[in-house]
Amino acid sequence: MSFGVAKESGRKNRETRNVIDKKGTPNRRTGGARWSAFADFGAVDQRLAQGFVTACKLDGDARIVTFANGTSARELLVDSDERACRLVYAIVGSERLTHHNASFQVFAEGEGRCRVVWIADLLPAEIAPYVDGQMELGVAAMKRTLSRQAA
């Protein structure tokens, strides 16, 4: 599975808006099978991004995730739409981010194949390169984790 990056910049509230878009090429699992790993909001460390996310603890409608680099984030579940295979979350209470909203969506693409699209909107613009790098690491971990589960 390979992933491309597209970035979009624009003006929003006198700050630059950054959009990081990771588009995955199709893989061998169906959209439904792939979706279940994304939908399991409290098990991202076990079912989706092993090694990149080292711990995950549910706290109401949020999860506290700890990453391999030692940072942690409180991610609020905004929406989980099983029919659309789409999950939306926001990082809240961050000292480094004034805005973060992200979504994962799983699209079936023919027999036994699907595409995963991960999009993050964030502010301030200066942190976009760091978040982009973290998303690249997350994508690699997802590929490894989900490939092992498919075997």
C-alpha atoms as a PDB file:
ATOM      1  CA  MET A   1       0.000   0.000   0.000  1.00  0.00           C
ATOM      2  CA  SER A   2       1.448   3.393  -0.918  1.00  0.00           C
ATOM      3  CA  PHE A   3       0.295   6.804   0.225  1.00  0.00           C
ATOM      4  CA  GLY A   4       0.514  10.214  -1.427  1.00  0.00           C
ATOM      5  CA  VAL A   5       0.420  13.613   0.191  1.00  0.00           C
ATOM      6  CA  ALA A   6      -1.549  16.664  -0.923  1.00  0.00           C
ATOM      7  CA  LYS A   7      -1.432  19.937   0.993  1.00  0.00           C
ATOM      8  CA  GLU A   8      -3.750  22.885   0.622  1.00  0.00           C
ATOM      9  CA  SER A   9      -3.167  26.305   2.095  1.00  0.00           C
ATOM     10  CA  GLY A  10      -5.594  29.185   2.374  1.00  0.00           C
ATOM     11  CA  ARG A  11      -6.532  32.045   4.672  1.00  0.00           C
ATOM     12  CA  LYS A  12      -8.764  31.327   7.643  1.00  0.00           C
ATOM     13  CA  ASN A  13      -9.182  33.683  10.570  1.00  0.00           C
ATOM     14  CA  ARG A  14      -5.945  35.488   9.600  1.00  0.00           C
ATOM     15  CA  GLU A  15      -3.964  32.249   9.902  1.00  0.00           C
ATOM     16  CA  THR A  16      -2.891  29.774   7.267  1.00  0.00           C
ATOM     17  CA  ARG A  17      -5.097  26.702   7.092  1.00  0.00           C
ATOM     18  CA  ASN A  18      -3.307  23.442   6.419  1.00  0.00           C
ATOM     19  CA  VAL A  19      -4.905  20.303   5.117  1.00  0.00           C
ATOM     20  CA  ILE A  20      -2.892  17.118   5.103  1.00  0.00           C
ATOM     21  CA  ASP A  21      -4.439  14.399   2.984  1.00  0.00           C
ATOM     22  CA  LYS A  22      -3.076  10.852   2.986  1.00  0.00           C
ATOM     23  CA  LYS A  23      -4.637   8.726   0.261  1.00  0.00           C
ATOM     24  CA  GLY A  24      -4.013   5.022   0.341  1.00  0.00           C
ATOM     25  CA  THR A  25      -3.924   2.804  -2.669  1.00  0.00           C
ATOM     26  CA  PRO A  26      -6.225  -0.216  -2.630  1.00  0.00           C
ATOM     27  CA  ASN A  27      -5.352  -3.189  -0.472  1.00  0.00           C
ATOM     28  CA  ARG A  28      -6.620  -6.753  -0.347  1.00  0.00           C
ATOM     29  CA  ARG A  29      -9.091  -6.420   2.514  1.00  0.00           C
ATOM     30  CA  THR A  30     -12.690  -5.375   1.963  1.00  0.00           C
ATOM     31  CA  GLY A  31     -13.950  -2.013   3.128  1.00  0.00           C
ATOM     32  CA  GLY A  32     -16.016  -3.587   5.910  1.00  0.00           C
ATOM     33  CA  ALA A  33     -13.121  -5.589   7.314  1.00  0.00           C
ATOM     34  CA  ARG A  34     -10.864  -2.550   7.193  1.00  0.00           C
ATOM     35  CA  TRP A  35     -13.535  -0.300   8.675  1.00  0.00           C
ATOM     36  CA  SER A  36     -13.919  -2.387  11.832  1.00  0.00           C
ATOM     37  CA  ALA A  37     -10.329  -1.584  12.874  1.00  0.00           C
ATOM     38  CA  PHE A  38     -10.922   2.163  12.408  1.00  0.00           C
ATOM     39  CA  ALA A  39     -14.324   2.054  14.139  1.00  0.00           C
ATOM     40  CA  ASP A  40     -12.867   0.456  17.282  1.00  0.00           C
ATOM     41  CA  PHE A  41     -12.052   3.895  18.720  1.00  0.00           C
ATOM     42  CA  GLY A  42     -10.586   2.615  21.970  1.00  0.00           C
ATOM     43  CA  ALA A  43      -8.251   0.040  20.420  1.00  0.00           C
ATOM     44  CA  VAL A  44      -6.188   2.112  17.967  1.00  0.00           C
ATOM     45  CA  ASP A  45      -3.022   0.850  19.688  1.00  0.00           C
ATOM     46  CA  GLN A  46      -4.031  -2.794  19.199  1.00  0.00           C
ATOM     47  CA  ARG A  47      -6.061  -2.964  15.978  1.00  0.00           C
ATOM     48  CA  LEU A  48      -4.901  -0.082  13.811  1.00  0.00           C
ATOM     49  CA  ALA A  49      -1.484   1.463  14.462  1.00  0.00           C
ATOM     50  CA  GLN A  50       0.573  -0.864  16.637  1.00  0.00           C
ATOM     51  CA  GLY A  51       3.962   0.601  17.447  1.00  0.00           C
ATOM     52  CA  PHE A  52       2.998   4.130  16.397  1.00  0.00           C
ATOM     53  CA  VAL A  53       0.339   4.385  19.108  1.00  0.00           C
ATOM     54  CA  THR A  54       1.667   2.642  22.207  1.00  0.00           C
ATOM     55  CA  ALA A  55      -1.314   3.150  24.531  1.00  0.00           C
ATOM     56  CA  CYS A  56      -4.954   4.150  24.259  1.00  0.00           C
ATOM     57  CA  LYS A  57      -7.374   4.785  27.113  1.00  0.00           C
ATOM     58  CA  LEU A  58     -11.039   5.682  26.683  1.00  0.00           C
ATOM     59  CA  ASP A  59     -12.316   8.656  28.680  1.00  0.00           C
ATOM     60  CA  GLY A  60     -15.994   9.285  27.914  1.00  0.00           C
ATOM     61  CA  ASP A  61     -16.331  10.351  24.262  1.00  0.00           C
ATOM     62  CA  ALA A  62     -12.570  10.786  24.003  1.00  0.00           C
ATOM     63  CA  ARG A  63      -9.474   8.650  23.967  1.00  0.00           C
ATOM     64  CA  ILE A  64      -6.077   9.488  25.383  1.00  0.00           C
ATOM     65  CA  VAL A  65      -3.444   8.175  22.975  1.00  0.00           C
ATOM     66  CA  THR A  66       0.260   7.885  23.647  1.00  0.00           C
ATOM     67  CA  PHE A  67       2.587   7.817  20.663  1.00  0.00           C
ATOM     68  CA  ALA A  68       5.927   6.045  20.251  1.00  0.00           C
ATOM     69  CA  ASN A  69       7.769   9.389  20.515  1.00  0.00           C
ATOM     70  CA  GLY A  70       6.352   9.874  24.033  1.00  0.00           C
ATOM     71  CA  THR A  71       3.766  12.550  23.200  1.00  0.00           C
ATOM     72  CA  SER A  72       0.114  12.101  24.048  1.00  0.00           C
ATOM     73  CA  ALA A  73      -3.122  13.615  22.809  1.00  0.00           C
ATOM     74  CA  ARG A  74      -6.739  13.744  23.861  1.00  0.00           C
ATOM     75  CA  GLU A  75      -8.805  12.843  20.799  1.00  0.00           C
ATOM     76  CA  LEU A  76     -12.528  13.583  20.967  1.00  0.00           C
ATOM     77  CA  LEU A  77     -14.818  11.335  18.922  1.00  0.00           C
ATOM     78  CA  VAL A  78     -16.806  13.717  16.717  1.00  0.00           C
ATOM     79  CA  ASP A  79     -18.640  11.159  14.566  1.00  0.00           C
ATOM     80  CA  SER A  80     -18.536   7.497  13.658  1.00  0.00           C
ATOM     81  CA  ASP A  81     -20.680   6.630  10.647  1.00  0.00           C
ATOM     82  CA  GLU A  82     -20.777   2.884  10.029  1.00  0.00           C
ATOM     83  CA  ARG A  83     -22.800   3.236   6.850  1.00  0.00           C
ATOM     84  CA  ALA A  84     -20.299   5.682   5.299  1.00  0.00           C
ATOM     85  CA  CYS A  85     -17.301   3.896   6.932  1.00  0.00           C
ATOM     86  CA  ARG A  86     -16.137   7.286   8.218  1.00  0.00           C
ATOM     87  CA  LEU A  87     -14.706   8.300  11.590  1.00  0.00           C
ATOM     88  CA  VAL A  88     -14.079  11.928  12.602  1.00  0.00           C
ATOM     89  CA  TYR A  89     -12.062  13.031  15.617  1.00  0.00           C
ATOM     90  CA  ALA A  90     -10.539  16.224  16.986  1.00  0.00           C
ATOM     91  CA  ILE A  91      -7.513  16.791  19.174  1.00  0.00           C
ATOM     92  CA  VAL A  92      -8.604  18.960  22.108  1.00  0.00           C
ATOM     93  CA  GLY A  93      -6.649  20.665  24.863  1.00  0.00           C
ATOM     94  CA  SER A  94      -3.376  20.737  22.954  1.00  0.00           C
ATOM     95  CA  GLU A  95      -0.735  23.312  23.840  1.00  0.00           C
ATOM     96  CA  ARG A  96       0.686  23.128  20.298  1.00  0.00           C
ATOM     97  CA  LEU A  97      -2.494  23.066  18.187  1.00  0.00           C
ATOM     98  CA  THR A  98      -5.176  25.739  18.147  1.00  0.00           C
ATOM     99  CA  HIS A  99      -7.298  23.588  15.812  1.00  0.00           C
ATOM    100  CA  HIS A 100      -7.180  19.927  14.766  1.00  0.00           C
ATOM    101  CA  ASN A 101      -9.930  17.956  13.082  1.00  0.00           C
ATOM    102  CA  ALA A 102      -9.323  14.720  11.187  1.00  0.00           C
ATOM    103  CA  SER A 103     -11.243  11.975   9.438  1.00  0.00           C
ATOM    104  CA  PHE A 104     -10.659   8.476   8.186  1.00  0.00           C
ATOM    105  CA  GLN A 105     -12.888   7.062   5.491  1.00  0.00           C
ATOM    106  CA  VAL A 106     -12.782   3.575   4.005  1.00  0.00           C
ATOM    107  CA  PHE A 107     -13.983   3.020   0.433  1.00  0.00           C
ATOM    108  CA  ALA A 108     -14.563  -0.431  -1.091  1.00  0.00           C
ATOM    109  CA  GLU A 109     -12.860  -0.744  -4.478  1.00  0.00           C
ATOM    110  CA  GLY A 110     -13.886  -3.938  -6.166  1.00  0.00           C
ATOM    111  CA  GLU A 111     -13.628  -7.496  -4.950  1.00  0.00           C
ATOM    112  CA  GLY A 112     -11.574  -7.682  -1.770  1.00  0.00           C
ATOM    113  CA  ARG A 113     -10.021  -4.215  -2.155  1.00  0.00           C
ATOM    114  CA  CYS A 114     -10.500  -0.852  -0.454  1.00  0.00           C
ATOM    115  CA  ARG A 115      -9.006   2.624  -0.200  1.00  0.00           C
ATOM    116  CA  VAL A 116      -8.456   4.502   3.068  1.00  0.00           C
ATOM    117  CA  VAL A 117      -8.387   8.309   3.058  1.00  0.00           C
ATOM    118  CA  TRP A 118      -7.062  10.181   6.109  1.00  0.00           C
ATOM    119  CA  ILE A 119      -7.475  13.967   6.165  1.00  0.00           C
ATOM    120  CA  ALA A 120      -6.401  16.397   8.900  1.00  0.00           C
ATOM    121  CA  ASP A 121      -7.162  20.125   9.172  1.00  0.00           C
ATOM    122  CA  LEU A 122      -4.958  21.980  11.631  1.00  0.00           C
ATOM    123  CA  LEU A 123      -3.661  25.287  12.919  1.00  0.00           C
ATOM    124  CA  PRO A 124      -1.153  26.866  13.308  1.00  0.00           C
ATOM    125  CA  ALA A 125       0.449  26.359   9.910  1.00  0.00           C
ATOM    126  CA  GLU A 126       3.935  26.075  11.391  1.00  0.00           C
ATOM    127  CA  ILE A 127       3.156  22.683  12.912  1.00  0.00           C
ATOM    128  CA  ALA A 128       1.980  21.123   9.630  1.00  0.00           C
ATOM    129  CA  PRO A 129       5.393  19.603   8.719  1.00  0.00           C
ATOM    130  CA  TYR A 130       5.581  17.860  12.108  1.00  0.00           C
ATOM    131  CA  VAL A 131       1.997  16.529  11.814  1.00  0.00           C
ATOM    132  CA  ASP A 132       2.683  15.439   8.232  1.00  0.00           C
ATOM    133  CA  GLY A 133       5.680  13.419   9.418  1.00  0.00           C
ATOM    134  CA  GLN A 134       3.644  11.862  12.217  1.00  0.00           C
ATOM    135  CA  MET A 135       0.899  10.927   9.766  1.00  0.00           C
ATOM    136  CA  GLU A 136       3.495   9.256   7.512  1.00  0.00           C
ATOM    137  CA  LEU A 137       4.628   7.175  10.503  1.00  0.00           C
ATOM    138  CA  GLY A 138       0.994   6.411  11.327  1.00  0.00           C
ATOM    139  CA  VAL A 139       0.267   5.284   7.775  1.00  0.00           C
ATOM    140  CA  ALA A 140       3.255   2.925   7.835  1.00  0.00           C
ATOM    141  CA  ALA A 141       2.107   1.474  11.171  1.00  0.00           C
ATOM    142  CA  MET A 142      -1.445   1.008   9.862  1.00  0.00           C
ATOM    143  CA  LYS A 143      -0.144  -0.805   6.816  1.00  0.00           C
ATOM    144  CA  ARG A 144       1.928  -3.178   8.968  1.00  0.00           C
ATOM    145  CA  THR A 145      -0.834  -3.748  11.528  1.00  0.00           C
ATOM    146  CA  LEU A 146      -3.607  -4.345   9.036  1.00  0.00           C
ATOM    147  CA  SER A 147      -1.436  -6.535   6.792  1.00  0.00           C
ATOM    148  CA  ARG A 148      -0.659  -8.800   9.765  1.00  0.00           C
ATOM    149  CA  GLN A 149      -4.364  -9.029  10.603  1.00  0.00           C
ATOM    150  CA  ALA A 150      -5.204  -9.970   7.009  1.00  0.00           C
ATOM    151  CA  ALA A 151      -2.681 -12.825   6.971  1.00  0.00           C
END
